[in-house]
Amino acid sequence: MSQPKQERAIQTRKEILRAAAVVFDESGFAGASINRILGEAGLTAGALYFHFKSKEELARAVMNAQPDSIIPWLTSEGLQRLVDITLVWAHQLQTDVVLRAGVRLTTEQGSFGVRDIAPYQDWSRIMADCLRVAADKGELQAGIDPAELADFMVEACTGMQTYSAVASEARADLVDRVIRMWRLMMPGIAVPTVIARTEVNPARAQAALLDATAAKTSEPTA
């Protein structure tokens, strides 16, 4: 496949994922049809089935695309990176339809016959990597197991966003909940000097998104 064809294939796949996310976000798995997704994407069935063999495979792809809405925006390390992941996640859940659909499908997957733990495991691995760096930098208190804490963080965030979706319109209070989570957790996991310098501020999420967008738009075109 030539480079232009590869680029077109990548772009088409992104368009299908986004269109599917819009429909899944609105209607869930059961209410989404291939025809609605094709209409949203403006593509033919052949184009869709070239990339995805079924609606189930498409749903799995949306579920597993969640980190792509967050990780590329971040440049921090260690515990600050983990804090930033949760702040950007809370912000993007209100604005990024692919992330929002992925979260909905992951939460509801048992109801449509898919049982895929991979999205949770991916987040746990990403968070554990942050915590291992934090441990190597001396940021964590003695006895903290990065893998164990990462699993707990995934569990806590899963419950928190579910609660927020019911308690507020469009998860409007999720950022505040994330800030509260860190206020309660930080003294139990981080050494005092790190607590003092770690920023738990919603402005960090917006700044990270703006900086990354500016960097992307300033890249030279081929």
N, C-alpha and C. Protein backbone atom coordinates (compact mmCIF):
# COMPACT_ATOMS: atom_id res chain seq x y z
N MET A 1 0.86 -1.19 0.00
CA MET A 1 0.00 0.00 0.00
C MET A 1 0.89 1.24 0.00
N SER A 2 0.63 2.17 -0.93
CA SER A 2 1.43 3.38 -1.00
C SER A 2 1.13 4.27 0.19
N GLN A 3 2.03 5.25 0.42
CA GLN A 3 1.84 6.14 1.57
C GLN A 3 0.53 6.90 1.52
N PRO A 4 0.14 7.51 0.37
CA PRO A 4 -1.16 8.19 0.34
C PRO A 4 -2.32 7.27 0.68
N LYS A 5 -2.27 6.01 0.19
CA LYS A 5 -3.34 5.06 0.50
C LYS A 5 -3.35 4.72 1.98
N GLN A 6 -2.17 4.57 2.56
CA GLN A 6 -2.10 4.31 3.99
C GLN A 6 -2.70 5.47 4.78
N GLU A 7 -2.36 6.68 4.39
CA GLU A 7 -2.88 7.85 5.08
C GLU A 7 -4.40 7.94 4.94
N ARG A 8 -4.92 7.63 3.75
CA ARG A 8 -6.37 7.65 3.56
C ARG A 8 -7.04 6.58 4.41
N ALA A 9 -6.41 5.40 4.48
CA ALA A 9 -6.98 4.32 5.29
C ALA A 9 -7.01 4.70 6.76
N ILE A 10 -5.94 5.32 7.23
CA ILE A 10 -5.89 5.76 8.63
C ILE A 10 -6.97 6.81 8.89
N GLN A 11 -7.11 7.76 7.97
CA GLN A 11 -8.11 8.81 8.13
C GLN A 11 -9.52 8.23 8.09
N THR A 12 -9.76 7.28 7.17
CA THR A 12 -11.08 6.66 7.09
C THR A 12 -11.41 5.92 8.37
N ARG A 13 -10.44 5.21 8.92
CA ARG A 13 -10.67 4.50 10.19
C ARG A 13 -11.04 5.48 11.31
N LYS A 14 -10.33 6.61 11.37
CA LYS A 14 -10.64 7.63 12.37
C LYS A 14 -12.06 8.16 12.19
N GLU A 15 -12.46 8.38 10.94
CA GLU A 15 -13.80 8.90 10.67
C GLU A 15 -14.87 7.90 11.10
N ILE A 16 -14.61 6.62 10.84
CA ILE A 16 -15.56 5.58 11.25
C ILE A 16 -15.65 5.52 12.77
N LEU A 17 -14.50 5.56 13.44
CA LEU A 17 -14.49 5.51 14.91
C LEU A 17 -15.26 6.68 15.50
N ARG A 18 -15.02 7.86 14.95
CA ARG A 18 -15.71 9.03 15.49
C ARG A 18 -17.22 8.95 15.23
N ALA A 19 -17.60 8.55 14.03
CA ALA A 19 -19.02 8.42 13.72
C ALA A 19 -19.67 7.38 14.63
N ALA A 20 -19.00 6.26 14.82
CA ALA A 20 -19.53 5.24 15.72
C ALA A 20 -19.64 5.78 17.14
N ALA A 21 -18.65 6.54 17.56
CA ALA A 21 -18.68 7.12 18.90
C ALA A 21 -19.89 8.03 19.08
N VAL A 22 -20.18 8.84 18.09
CA VAL A 22 -21.33 9.74 18.17
C VAL A 22 -22.61 8.94 18.37
N VAL A 23 -22.77 7.87 17.60
CA VAL A 23 -23.99 7.07 17.68
C VAL A 23 -24.04 6.27 18.98
N PHE A 24 -22.91 5.66 19.36
CA PHE A 24 -22.87 4.91 20.62
C PHE A 24 -23.12 5.83 21.82
N ASP A 25 -22.57 7.02 21.76
CA ASP A 25 -22.75 7.97 22.86
C ASP A 25 -24.21 8.36 23.00
N GLU A 26 -24.89 8.53 21.87
CA GLU A 26 -26.30 8.92 21.90
C GLU A 26 -27.21 7.77 22.30
N SER A 27 -26.93 6.57 21.80
CA SER A 27 -27.91 5.48 21.88
C SER A 27 -27.42 4.21 22.53
N GLY A 28 -26.15 4.16 22.94
CA GLY A 28 -25.62 2.93 23.47
C GLY A 28 -25.43 1.89 22.38
N PHE A 29 -24.97 0.72 22.77
CA PHE A 29 -24.71 -0.32 21.78
C PHE A 29 -26.01 -0.82 21.14
N ALA A 30 -27.00 -1.10 21.95
CA ALA A 30 -28.24 -1.69 21.43
C ALA A 30 -28.95 -0.74 20.47
N GLY A 31 -28.90 0.55 20.75
CA GLY A 31 -29.62 1.51 19.92
C GLY A 31 -28.86 1.96 18.68
N ALA A 32 -27.61 1.55 18.58
CA ALA A 32 -26.79 1.95 17.43
C ALA A 32 -26.93 0.92 16.31
N SER A 33 -27.07 1.40 15.11
CA SER A 33 -27.11 0.50 13.95
C SER A 33 -25.97 0.86 13.00
N ILE A 34 -25.57 -0.12 12.23
CA ILE A 34 -24.52 0.13 11.23
C ILE A 34 -24.97 1.21 10.26
N ASN A 35 -26.23 1.20 9.87
CA ASN A 35 -26.72 2.21 8.93
C ASN A 35 -26.61 3.61 9.51
N ARG A 36 -26.93 3.77 10.80
CA ARG A 36 -26.80 5.09 11.44
C ARG A 36 -25.33 5.52 11.47
N ILE A 37 -24.46 4.58 11.76
CA ILE A 37 -23.03 4.90 11.81
C ILE A 37 -22.53 5.29 10.42
N LEU A 38 -22.97 4.56 9.40
CA LEU A 38 -22.57 4.88 8.03
C LEU A 38 -23.10 6.27 7.64
N GLY A 39 -24.32 6.58 8.03
CA GLY A 39 -24.87 7.89 7.73
C GLY A 39 -24.10 9.00 8.41
N GLU A 40 -23.71 8.77 9.66
CA GLU A 40 -22.93 9.76 10.39
C GLU A 40 -21.55 9.96 9.76
N ALA A 41 -20.97 8.85 9.28
CA ALA A 41 -19.62 8.92 8.69
C ALA A 41 -19.64 9.38 7.24
N GLY A 42 -20.77 9.21 6.57
CA GLY A 42 -20.83 9.52 5.14
C GLY A 42 -20.01 8.57 4.30
N LEU A 43 -19.98 7.29 4.73
CA LEU A 43 -19.18 6.29 4.04
C LEU A 43 -20.03 5.10 3.63
N THR A 44 -19.47 4.25 2.79
CA THR A 44 -20.18 3.05 2.35
C THR A 44 -19.94 1.91 3.32
N ALA A 45 -20.80 0.89 3.24
CA ALA A 45 -20.63 -0.29 4.08
C ALA A 45 -19.30 -0.97 3.79
N GLY A 46 -18.89 -0.96 2.52
CA GLY A 46 -17.62 -1.58 2.17
C GLY A 46 -16.45 -0.94 2.88
N ALA A 47 -16.48 0.38 2.99
CA ALA A 47 -15.41 1.09 3.68
C ALA A 47 -15.37 0.71 5.15
N LEU A 48 -16.54 0.60 5.77
CA LEU A 48 -16.59 0.25 7.19
C LEU A 48 -16.09 -1.17 7.41
N TYR A 49 -16.61 -2.12 6.60
CA TYR A 49 -16.26 -3.52 6.84
C TYR A 49 -14.82 -3.84 6.42
N PHE A 50 -14.19 -2.96 5.68
CA PHE A 50 -12.76 -3.13 5.41
C PHE A 50 -11.97 -2.99 6.70
N HIS A 51 -12.44 -2.11 7.60
CA HIS A 51 -11.73 -1.84 8.84
C HIS A 51 -12.28 -2.63 10.03
N PHE A 52 -13.60 -2.86 10.05
CA PHE A 52 -14.23 -3.51 11.20
C PHE A 52 -15.21 -4.56 10.69
N LYS A 53 -15.10 -5.78 11.21
CA LYS A 53 -15.91 -6.88 10.70
C LYS A 53 -17.33 -6.89 11.25
N SER A 54 -17.57 -6.20 12.35
CA SER A 54 -18.89 -6.24 12.98
C SER A 54 -19.08 -5.03 13.88
N LYS A 55 -20.31 -4.84 14.33
CA LYS A 55 -20.59 -3.76 15.29
C LYS A 55 -19.87 -4.02 16.60
N GLU A 56 -19.77 -5.29 16.98
CA GLU A 56 -19.05 -5.64 18.22
C GLU A 56 -17.58 -5.24 18.13
N GLU A 57 -16.95 -5.52 16.99
CA GLU A 57 -15.54 -5.16 16.82
C GLU A 57 -15.37 -3.64 16.84
N LEU A 58 -16.30 -2.93 16.26
CA LEU A 58 -16.26 -1.47 16.26
C LEU A 58 -16.41 -0.94 17.68
N ALA A 59 -17.31 -1.55 18.45
CA ALA A 59 -17.50 -1.13 19.84
C ALA A 59 -16.22 -1.36 20.65
N ARG A 60 -15.58 -2.49 20.44
CA ARG A 60 -14.32 -2.77 21.15
C ARG A 60 -13.26 -1.72 20.80
N ALA A 61 -13.21 -1.34 19.52
CA ALA A 61 -12.23 -0.34 19.09
C ALA A 61 -12.48 1.00 19.77
N VAL A 62 -13.75 1.39 19.89
CA VAL A 62 -14.08 2.65 20.57
C VAL A 62 -13.71 2.56 22.04
N MET A 63 -14.00 1.43 22.68
CA MET A 63 -13.66 1.26 24.09
C MET A 63 -12.15 1.37 24.31
N ASN A 64 -11.40 0.76 23.40
CA ASN A 64 -9.95 0.73 23.60
C ASN A 64 -9.23 1.97 23.10
N ALA A 65 -9.98 2.91 22.52
CA ALA A 65 -9.39 4.17 22.04
C ALA A 65 -9.34 5.24 23.12
N GLN A 66 -9.83 4.94 24.32
CA GLN A 66 -9.94 5.97 25.35
C GLN A 66 -8.63 6.70 25.65
N PRO A 67 -7.50 6.00 25.85
CA PRO A 67 -6.27 6.73 26.18
C PRO A 67 -5.83 7.72 25.10
N ASP A 68 -6.24 7.49 23.84
CA ASP A 68 -5.84 8.39 22.76
C ASP A 68 -6.42 9.79 22.93
N SER A 69 -7.47 9.92 23.73
CA SER A 69 -8.07 11.23 23.99
C SER A 69 -7.36 11.98 25.10
N ILE A 70 -6.39 11.34 25.75
CA ILE A 70 -5.76 11.94 26.93
C ILE A 70 -4.24 11.93 26.87
N ILE A 71 -3.65 10.77 26.67
CA ILE A 71 -2.20 10.61 26.81
C ILE A 71 -1.40 11.51 25.87
N PRO A 72 -1.80 11.67 24.60
CA PRO A 72 -1.00 12.51 23.70
C PRO A 72 -0.87 13.96 24.13
N TRP A 73 -1.75 14.42 25.04
CA TRP A 73 -1.73 15.82 25.45
C TRP A 73 -0.74 16.10 26.59
N LEU A 74 -0.16 15.07 27.17
CA LEU A 74 0.58 15.23 28.42
C LEU A 74 2.09 15.20 28.24
N THR A 75 2.79 16.01 29.03
CA THR A 75 4.26 16.03 29.01
C THR A 75 4.85 15.85 30.40
N SER A 76 4.04 15.82 31.43
CA SER A 76 4.53 15.71 32.81
C SER A 76 4.97 14.28 33.11
N GLU A 77 5.56 14.10 34.31
CA GLU A 77 6.08 12.80 34.71
C GLU A 77 5.65 12.47 36.14
N GLY A 78 5.75 11.18 36.48
CA GLY A 78 5.54 10.75 37.85
C GLY A 78 4.15 11.02 38.36
N LEU A 79 4.07 11.43 39.62
CA LEU A 79 2.78 11.65 40.25
C LEU A 79 2.02 12.79 39.59
N GLN A 80 2.72 13.83 39.16
CA GLN A 80 2.05 14.94 38.47
C GLN A 80 1.40 14.45 37.18
N ARG A 81 2.04 13.53 36.49
CA ARG A 81 1.44 12.98 35.27
C ARG A 81 0.15 12.23 35.59
N LEU A 82 0.15 11.46 36.66
CA LEU A 82 -1.07 10.75 37.03
C LEU A 82 -2.18 11.72 37.39
N VAL A 83 -1.85 12.76 38.13
CA VAL A 83 -2.85 13.80 38.43
C VAL A 83 -3.37 14.42 37.14
N ASP A 84 -2.45 14.73 36.23
CA ASP A 84 -2.85 15.36 34.97
C ASP A 84 -3.75 14.44 34.13
N ILE A 85 -3.45 13.13 34.15
CA ILE A 85 -4.32 12.18 33.43
C ILE A 85 -5.75 12.31 33.93
N THR A 86 -5.92 12.34 35.24
CA THR A 86 -7.28 12.39 35.78
C THR A 86 -7.95 13.74 35.51
N LEU A 87 -7.19 14.82 35.53
CA LEU A 87 -7.77 16.13 35.24
C LEU A 87 -8.18 16.25 33.77
N VAL A 88 -7.30 15.81 32.86
CA VAL A 88 -7.64 15.87 31.45
C VAL A 88 -8.78 14.93 31.14
N TRP A 89 -8.77 13.75 31.76
CA TRP A 89 -9.87 12.78 31.60
C TRP A 89 -11.20 13.40 32.00
N ALA A 90 -11.24 14.07 33.14
CA ALA A 90 -12.49 14.69 33.61
C ALA A 90 -12.95 15.78 32.65
N HIS A 91 -12.00 16.55 32.13
CA HIS A 91 -12.34 17.60 31.17
C HIS A 91 -12.81 17.01 29.85
N GLN A 92 -12.07 16.04 29.33
CA GLN A 92 -12.38 15.47 28.02
C GLN A 92 -13.68 14.67 28.01
N LEU A 93 -14.07 14.13 29.16
CA LEU A 93 -15.35 13.41 29.20
C LEU A 93 -16.52 14.34 28.90
N GLN A 94 -16.33 15.62 29.10
CA GLN A 94 -17.38 16.58 28.80
C GLN A 94 -17.34 17.05 27.34
N THR A 95 -16.20 16.85 26.67
CA THR A 95 -16.03 17.45 25.35
C THR A 95 -15.65 16.47 24.24
N ASP A 96 -15.10 15.32 24.57
CA ASP A 96 -14.58 14.38 23.57
C ASP A 96 -15.54 13.20 23.42
N VAL A 97 -16.21 13.11 22.29
CA VAL A 97 -17.24 12.10 22.11
C VAL A 97 -16.67 10.69 22.05
N VAL A 98 -15.45 10.53 21.53
CA VAL A 98 -14.87 9.19 21.46
C VAL A 98 -14.58 8.66 22.86
N LEU A 99 -14.02 9.51 23.71
CA LEU A 99 -13.77 9.11 25.09
C LEU A 99 -15.09 8.82 25.80
N ARG A 100 -16.06 9.68 25.63
CA ARG A 100 -17.34 9.52 26.31
C ARG A 100 -18.04 8.22 25.87
N ALA A 101 -18.01 7.95 24.57
CA ALA A 101 -18.62 6.72 24.08
C ALA A 101 -17.86 5.50 24.57
N GLY A 102 -16.54 5.60 24.61
CA GLY A 102 -15.74 4.49 25.10
C GLY A 102 -16.05 4.16 26.54
N VAL A 103 -16.22 5.20 27.35
CA VAL A 103 -16.57 5.00 28.75
C VAL A 103 -17.96 4.39 28.87
N ARG A 104 -18.89 4.88 28.09
CA ARG A 104 -20.26 4.32 28.15
C ARG A 104 -20.26 2.85 27.76
N LEU A 105 -19.61 2.52 26.68
CA LEU A 105 -19.59 1.13 26.22
C LEU A 105 -18.88 0.22 27.23
N THR A 106 -17.77 0.70 27.79
CA THR A 106 -17.04 -0.10 28.76
C THR A 106 -17.89 -0.38 29.98
N THR A 107 -18.63 0.63 30.41
CA THR A 107 -19.49 0.47 31.59
C THR A 107 -20.67 -0.44 31.32
N GLU A 108 -21.22 -0.36 30.09
CA GLU A 108 -22.44 -1.09 29.77
C GLU A 108 -22.19 -2.42 29.07
N GLN A 109 -20.94 -2.78 28.83
CA GLN A 109 -20.65 -3.88 27.91
C GLN A 109 -21.31 -5.20 28.29
N GLY A 110 -21.47 -5.49 29.57
CA GLY A 110 -22.11 -6.74 29.95
C GLY A 110 -23.52 -6.88 29.42
N SER A 111 -24.19 -5.75 29.18
CA SER A 111 -25.58 -5.78 28.73
C SER A 111 -25.70 -6.12 27.25
N PHE A 112 -24.61 -6.05 26.49
CA PHE A 112 -24.70 -6.40 25.07
C PHE A 112 -23.77 -7.55 24.69
N GLY A 113 -23.43 -8.36 25.68
CA GLY A 113 -22.74 -9.62 25.38
C GLY A 113 -21.26 -9.54 25.16
N VAL A 114 -20.66 -8.38 25.39
CA VAL A 114 -19.20 -8.23 25.27
C VAL A 114 -18.62 -8.12 26.68
N ARG A 115 -17.59 -8.90 26.95
CA ARG A 115 -16.90 -8.81 28.23
C ARG A 115 -15.42 -8.63 27.94
N ASP A 116 -14.99 -7.38 27.94
CA ASP A 116 -13.62 -7.04 27.55
C ASP A 116 -13.00 -6.21 28.66
N ILE A 117 -12.08 -6.82 29.41
CA ILE A 117 -11.45 -6.11 30.52
C ILE A 117 -10.28 -5.24 30.06
N ALA A 118 -9.93 -5.35 28.78
CA ALA A 118 -8.75 -4.64 28.27
C ALA A 118 -8.78 -3.13 28.52
N PRO A 119 -9.92 -2.43 28.34
CA PRO A 119 -9.89 -0.98 28.60
C PRO A 119 -9.49 -0.64 30.03
N TYR A 120 -9.99 -1.41 30.99
CA TYR A 120 -9.61 -1.19 32.39
C TYR A 120 -8.13 -1.51 32.60
N GLN A 121 -7.68 -2.60 32.01
CA GLN A 121 -6.29 -3.01 32.18
C GLN A 121 -5.33 -2.00 31.54
N ASP A 122 -5.74 -1.43 30.40
CA ASP A 122 -4.90 -0.41 29.76
C ASP A 122 -4.71 0.78 30.67
N TRP A 123 -5.81 1.25 31.28
CA TRP A 123 -5.71 2.38 32.20
C TRP A 123 -4.86 2.03 33.41
N SER A 124 -5.03 0.82 33.92
CA SER A 124 -4.24 0.40 35.09
C SER A 124 -2.76 0.38 34.75
N ARG A 125 -2.43 -0.12 33.55
CA ARG A 125 -1.02 -0.15 33.15
C ARG A 125 -0.45 1.25 33.00
N ILE A 126 -1.21 2.14 32.37
CA ILE A 126 -0.77 3.53 32.18
C ILE A 126 -0.53 4.20 33.53
N MET A 127 -1.46 4.01 34.45
CA MET A 127 -1.34 4.64 35.77
C MET A 127 -0.20 4.01 36.57
N ALA A 128 -0.03 2.70 36.47
CA ALA A 128 1.06 2.04 37.18
C ALA A 128 2.41 2.53 36.67
N ASP A 129 2.52 2.77 35.37
CA ASP A 129 3.78 3.31 34.82
C ASP A 129 4.09 4.68 35.44
N CYS A 130 3.07 5.52 35.57
CA CYS A 130 3.27 6.83 36.21
C CYS A 130 3.75 6.65 37.65
N LEU A 131 3.15 5.73 38.35
CA LEU A 131 3.47 5.53 39.76
C LEU A 131 4.85 4.90 39.94
N ARG A 132 5.28 4.07 39.01
CA ARG A 132 6.63 3.51 39.09
C ARG A 132 7.67 4.61 38.91
N VAL A 133 7.41 5.51 37.98
CA VAL A 133 8.31 6.66 37.82
C VAL A 133 8.31 7.49 39.10
N ALA A 134 7.13 7.71 39.66
CA ALA A 134 7.02 8.47 40.90
C ALA A 134 7.81 7.79 42.02
N ALA A 135 7.73 6.47 42.11
CA ALA A 135 8.47 5.73 43.13
C ALA A 135 9.97 5.88 42.92
N ASP A 136 10.40 5.78 41.66
CA ASP A 136 11.83 5.91 41.36
C ASP A 136 12.35 7.30 41.71
N LYS A 137 11.48 8.30 41.62
CA LYS A 137 11.87 9.68 41.93
C LYS A 137 11.72 10.02 43.42
N GLY A 138 11.32 9.02 44.21
CA GLY A 138 11.15 9.25 45.65
C GLY A 138 9.92 10.05 46.01
N GLU A 139 8.89 10.03 45.14
CA GLU A 139 7.70 10.83 45.38
C GLU A 139 6.65 10.12 46.25
N LEU A 140 6.73 8.79 46.32
CA LEU A 140 5.71 8.04 47.04
C LEU A 140 6.17 7.64 48.43
N GLN A 141 5.21 7.47 49.30
CA GLN A 141 5.53 6.98 50.63
C GLN A 141 5.95 5.52 50.57
N ALA A 142 6.72 5.09 51.55
CA ALA A 142 7.18 3.71 51.62
C ALA A 142 5.99 2.76 51.70
N GLY A 143 6.13 1.63 51.01
CA GLY A 143 5.10 0.60 51.07
C GLY A 143 4.02 0.72 50.03
N ILE A 144 4.04 1.78 49.21
CA ILE A 144 3.03 1.93 48.16
C ILE A 144 3.37 0.99 47.00
N ASP A 145 2.43 0.15 46.62
CA ASP A 145 2.59 -0.76 45.48
C ASP A 145 1.97 -0.08 44.25
N PRO A 146 2.78 0.31 43.26
CA PRO A 146 2.23 1.03 42.10
C PRO A 146 1.11 0.29 41.39
N ALA A 147 1.25 -1.02 41.20
CA ALA A 147 0.21 -1.77 40.49
C ALA A 147 -1.08 -1.81 41.29
N GLU A 148 -0.97 -2.01 42.60
CA GLU A 148 -2.16 -2.06 43.45
C GLU A 148 -2.87 -0.71 43.47
N LEU A 149 -2.09 0.35 43.63
CA LEU A 149 -2.69 1.69 43.66
C LEU A 149 -3.31 2.04 42.31
N ALA A 150 -2.66 1.62 41.22
CA ALA A 150 -3.21 1.89 39.89
C ALA A 150 -4.56 1.21 39.71
N ASP A 151 -4.68 -0.04 40.13
CA ASP A 151 -5.96 -0.73 40.05
C ASP A 151 -7.03 0.02 40.84
N PHE A 152 -6.66 0.46 42.03
CA PHE A 152 -7.62 1.21 42.86
C PHE A 152 -8.03 2.51 42.17
N MET A 153 -7.09 3.20 41.55
CA MET A 153 -7.40 4.45 40.86
C MET A 153 -8.40 4.23 39.73
N VAL A 154 -8.20 3.15 38.96
CA VAL A 154 -9.13 2.84 37.88
C VAL A 154 -10.52 2.56 38.45
N GLU A 155 -10.56 1.79 39.52
CA GLU A 155 -11.84 1.50 40.16
C GLU A 155 -12.51 2.77 40.68
N ALA A 156 -11.72 3.63 41.32
CA ALA A 156 -12.26 4.87 41.87
C ALA A 156 -12.78 5.79 40.77
N CYS A 157 -12.02 5.94 39.70
CA CYS A 157 -12.44 6.82 38.61
C CYS A 157 -13.67 6.27 37.89
N THR A 158 -13.75 4.95 37.75
CA THR A 158 -14.92 4.35 37.12
C THR A 158 -16.18 4.68 37.92
N GLY A 159 -16.10 4.49 39.23
CA GLY A 159 -17.26 4.82 40.06
C GLY A 159 -17.56 6.29 40.10
N MET A 160 -16.51 7.10 40.10
CA MET A 160 -16.69 8.55 40.21
C MET A 160 -17.39 9.13 38.98
N GLN A 161 -17.00 8.68 37.80
CA GLN A 161 -17.65 9.23 36.61
C GLN A 161 -19.09 8.73 36.49
N THR A 162 -19.36 7.51 36.97
CA THR A 162 -20.72 7.00 36.95
C THR A 162 -21.62 7.82 37.88
N TYR A 163 -21.10 8.10 39.06
CA TYR A 163 -21.83 8.94 40.04
C TYR A 163 -22.06 10.33 39.45
N SER A 164 -21.02 10.91 38.86
CA SER A 164 -21.11 12.26 38.31
C SER A 164 -22.13 12.34 37.18
N ALA A 165 -22.20 11.29 36.35
CA ALA A 165 -23.15 11.29 35.23
C ALA A 165 -24.59 11.36 35.72
N VAL A 166 -24.85 10.84 36.92
CA VAL A 166 -26.19 10.88 37.48
C VAL A 166 -26.41 12.17 38.29
N ALA A 167 -25.36 12.60 38.98
CA ALA A 167 -25.50 13.73 39.91
C ALA A 167 -25.47 15.08 39.23
N SER A 168 -24.91 15.17 38.03
CA SER A 168 -24.81 16.48 37.37
C SER A 168 -25.05 16.34 35.88
N GLU A 169 -25.41 17.42 35.25
CA GLU A 169 -25.65 17.43 33.81
C GLU A 169 -24.33 17.32 33.06
N ALA A 170 -24.21 16.31 32.19
CA ALA A 170 -23.01 16.13 31.36
C ALA A 170 -21.72 16.05 32.19
N ARG A 171 -21.83 15.47 33.38
CA ARG A 171 -20.68 15.30 34.28
C ARG A 171 -20.00 16.63 34.60
N ALA A 172 -20.81 17.67 34.76
CA ALA A 172 -20.26 19.00 34.99
C ALA A 172 -19.46 19.10 36.28
N ASP A 173 -19.74 18.23 37.25
CA ASP A 173 -19.02 18.30 38.52
C ASP A 173 -17.85 17.34 38.62
N LEU A 174 -17.49 16.67 37.51
CA LEU A 174 -16.46 15.64 37.59
C LEU A 174 -15.09 16.20 37.93
N VAL A 175 -14.75 17.35 37.39
CA VAL A 175 -13.45 17.95 37.71
C VAL A 175 -13.35 18.23 39.21
N ASP A 176 -14.42 18.76 39.79
CA ASP A 176 -14.42 19.01 41.23
C ASP A 176 -14.28 17.72 42.02
N ARG A 177 -14.87 16.66 41.55
CA ARG A 177 -14.75 15.37 42.22
C ARG A 177 -13.31 14.84 42.14
N VAL A 178 -12.68 15.05 41.00
CA VAL A 178 -11.28 14.62 40.86
C VAL A 178 -10.39 15.39 41.84
N ILE A 179 -10.61 16.68 41.93
CA ILE A 179 -9.82 17.50 42.86
C ILE A 179 -10.03 17.02 44.30
N ARG A 180 -11.27 16.73 44.64
CA ARG A 180 -11.54 16.23 46.00
C ARG A 180 -10.86 14.88 46.23
N MET A 181 -10.89 14.00 45.23
CA MET A 181 -10.24 12.70 45.36
C MET A 181 -8.77 12.86 45.70
N TRP A 182 -8.09 13.77 44.99
CA TRP A 182 -6.66 13.96 45.25
C TRP A 182 -6.42 14.62 46.61
N ARG A 183 -7.30 15.53 47.01
CA ARG A 183 -7.15 16.15 48.33
C ARG A 183 -7.21 15.11 49.44
N LEU A 184 -8.08 14.11 49.25
CA LEU A 184 -8.22 13.06 50.25
C LEU A 184 -7.11 12.00 50.15
N MET A 185 -6.67 11.71 48.93
CA MET A 185 -5.71 10.63 48.73
C MET A 185 -4.26 11.04 48.90
N MET A 186 -3.94 12.23 48.46
CA MET A 186 -2.53 12.64 48.37
C MET A 186 -1.76 12.45 49.67
N PRO A 187 -2.29 12.83 50.83
CA PRO A 187 -1.52 12.66 52.07
C PRO A 187 -1.19 11.20 52.38
N GLY A 188 -1.97 10.27 51.84
CA GLY A 188 -1.73 8.86 52.13
C GLY A 188 -0.77 8.18 51.19
N ILE A 189 -0.41 8.84 50.07
CA ILE A 189 0.45 8.17 49.09
C ILE A 189 1.74 8.92 48.78
N ALA A 190 1.76 10.23 48.98
CA ALA A 190 2.91 11.03 48.56
C ALA A 190 3.66 11.59 49.77
N VAL A 191 4.96 11.82 49.58
CA VAL A 191 5.75 12.45 50.64
C VAL A 191 5.39 13.94 50.70
N PRO A 192 5.55 14.58 51.85
CA PRO A 192 5.08 15.96 52.04
C PRO A 192 5.64 16.95 51.02
N THR A 193 6.93 16.84 50.66
CA THR A 193 7.50 17.80 49.72
C THR A 193 6.85 17.70 48.35
N VAL A 194 6.45 16.49 47.97
CA VAL A 194 5.80 16.29 46.67
C VAL A 194 4.37 16.81 46.70
N ILE A 195 3.69 16.62 47.82
CA ILE A 195 2.34 17.17 47.96
C ILE A 195 2.36 18.68 47.74
N ALA A 196 3.38 19.33 48.30
CA ALA A 196 3.46 20.80 48.22
C ALA A 196 3.65 21.28 46.78
N ARG A 197 4.34 20.50 45.96
CA ARG A 197 4.65 20.99 44.61
C ARG A 197 3.76 20.39 43.52
N THR A 198 2.93 19.41 43.86
CA THR A 198 2.06 18.81 42.85
C THR A 198 0.81 19.66 42.66
N GLU A 199 0.55 20.02 41.43
CA GLU A 199 -0.59 20.90 41.11
C GLU A 199 -1.83 20.06 40.82
N VAL A 200 -2.86 20.29 41.60
CA VAL A 200 -4.16 19.67 41.34
C VAL A 200 -5.10 20.82 40.99
N ASN A 201 -5.03 21.22 39.75
CA ASN A 201 -5.69 22.45 39.31
C ASN A 201 -6.34 22.21 37.96
N PRO A 202 -7.65 22.46 37.81
CA PRO A 202 -8.31 22.22 36.53
C PRO A 202 -7.72 23.02 35.38
N ALA A 203 -7.07 24.12 35.69
CA ALA A 203 -6.45 24.91 34.62
C ALA A 203 -5.34 24.14 33.92
N ARG A 204 -4.74 23.16 34.63
CA ARG A 204 -3.68 22.35 34.00
C ARG A 204 -4.23 21.57 32.80
N ALA A 205 -5.44 21.05 32.93
CA ALA A 205 -6.03 20.30 31.83
C ALA A 205 -6.24 21.19 30.62
N GLN A 206 -6.80 22.36 30.83
CA GLN A 206 -7.04 23.27 29.72
C GLN A 206 -5.73 23.74 29.10
N ALA A 207 -4.72 24.01 29.94
CA ALA A 207 -3.43 24.45 29.42
C ALA A 207 -2.77 23.35 28.60
N ALA A 208 -2.85 22.12 29.07
CA ALA A 208 -2.25 21.00 28.34
C ALA A 208 -2.90 20.83 26.98
N LEU A 209 -4.21 20.94 26.92
CA LEU A 209 -4.93 20.81 25.66
C LEU A 209 -4.59 21.95 24.71
N LEU A 210 -4.51 23.16 25.23
CA LEU A 210 -4.18 24.31 24.39
C LEU A 210 -2.75 24.22 23.87
N ASP A 211 -1.81 23.84 24.74
CA ASP A 211 -0.41 23.74 24.33
C ASP A 211 -0.23 22.69 23.25
N ALA A 212 -0.87 21.54 23.42
CA ALA A 212 -0.72 20.47 22.45
C ALA A 212 -1.36 20.84 21.12
N THR A 213 -2.51 21.53 21.18
CA THR A 213 -3.17 21.96 19.95
C THR A 213 -2.31 22.98 19.21
N ALA A 214 -1.71 23.91 19.95
CA ALA A 214 -0.83 24.91 19.32
C ALA A 214 0.38 24.24 18.68
N ALA A 215 0.95 23.25 19.38
CA ALA A 215 2.11 22.56 18.83
C ALA A 215 1.75 21.80 17.56
N LYS A 216 0.57 21.20 17.55
CA LYS A 216 0.13 20.43 16.38
C LYS A 216 -0.10 21.34 15.18
N THR A 217 -0.72 22.50 15.41
CA THR A 217 -1.03 23.40 14.31
C THR A 217 0.22 24.08 13.76
N SER A 218 1.27 24.14 14.57
CA SER A 218 2.52 24.79 14.12
C SER A 218 3.46 23.83 13.42
N GLU A 219 3.11 22.52 13.37
CA GLU A 219 3.96 21.54 12.70
C GLU A 219 3.97 21.84 11.20
N PRO A 220 5.15 21.74 10.55
CA PRO A 220 5.21 21.97 9.11
C PRO A 220 4.46 20.88 8.35
N THR A 221 3.78 21.26 7.31
CA THR A 221 3.08 20.28 6.47
C THR A 221 4.00 19.77 5.40
N ALA A 222 3.74 18.53 4.98
CA ALA A 222 4.61 17.92 3.95
C ALA A 222 4.37 18.58 2.60
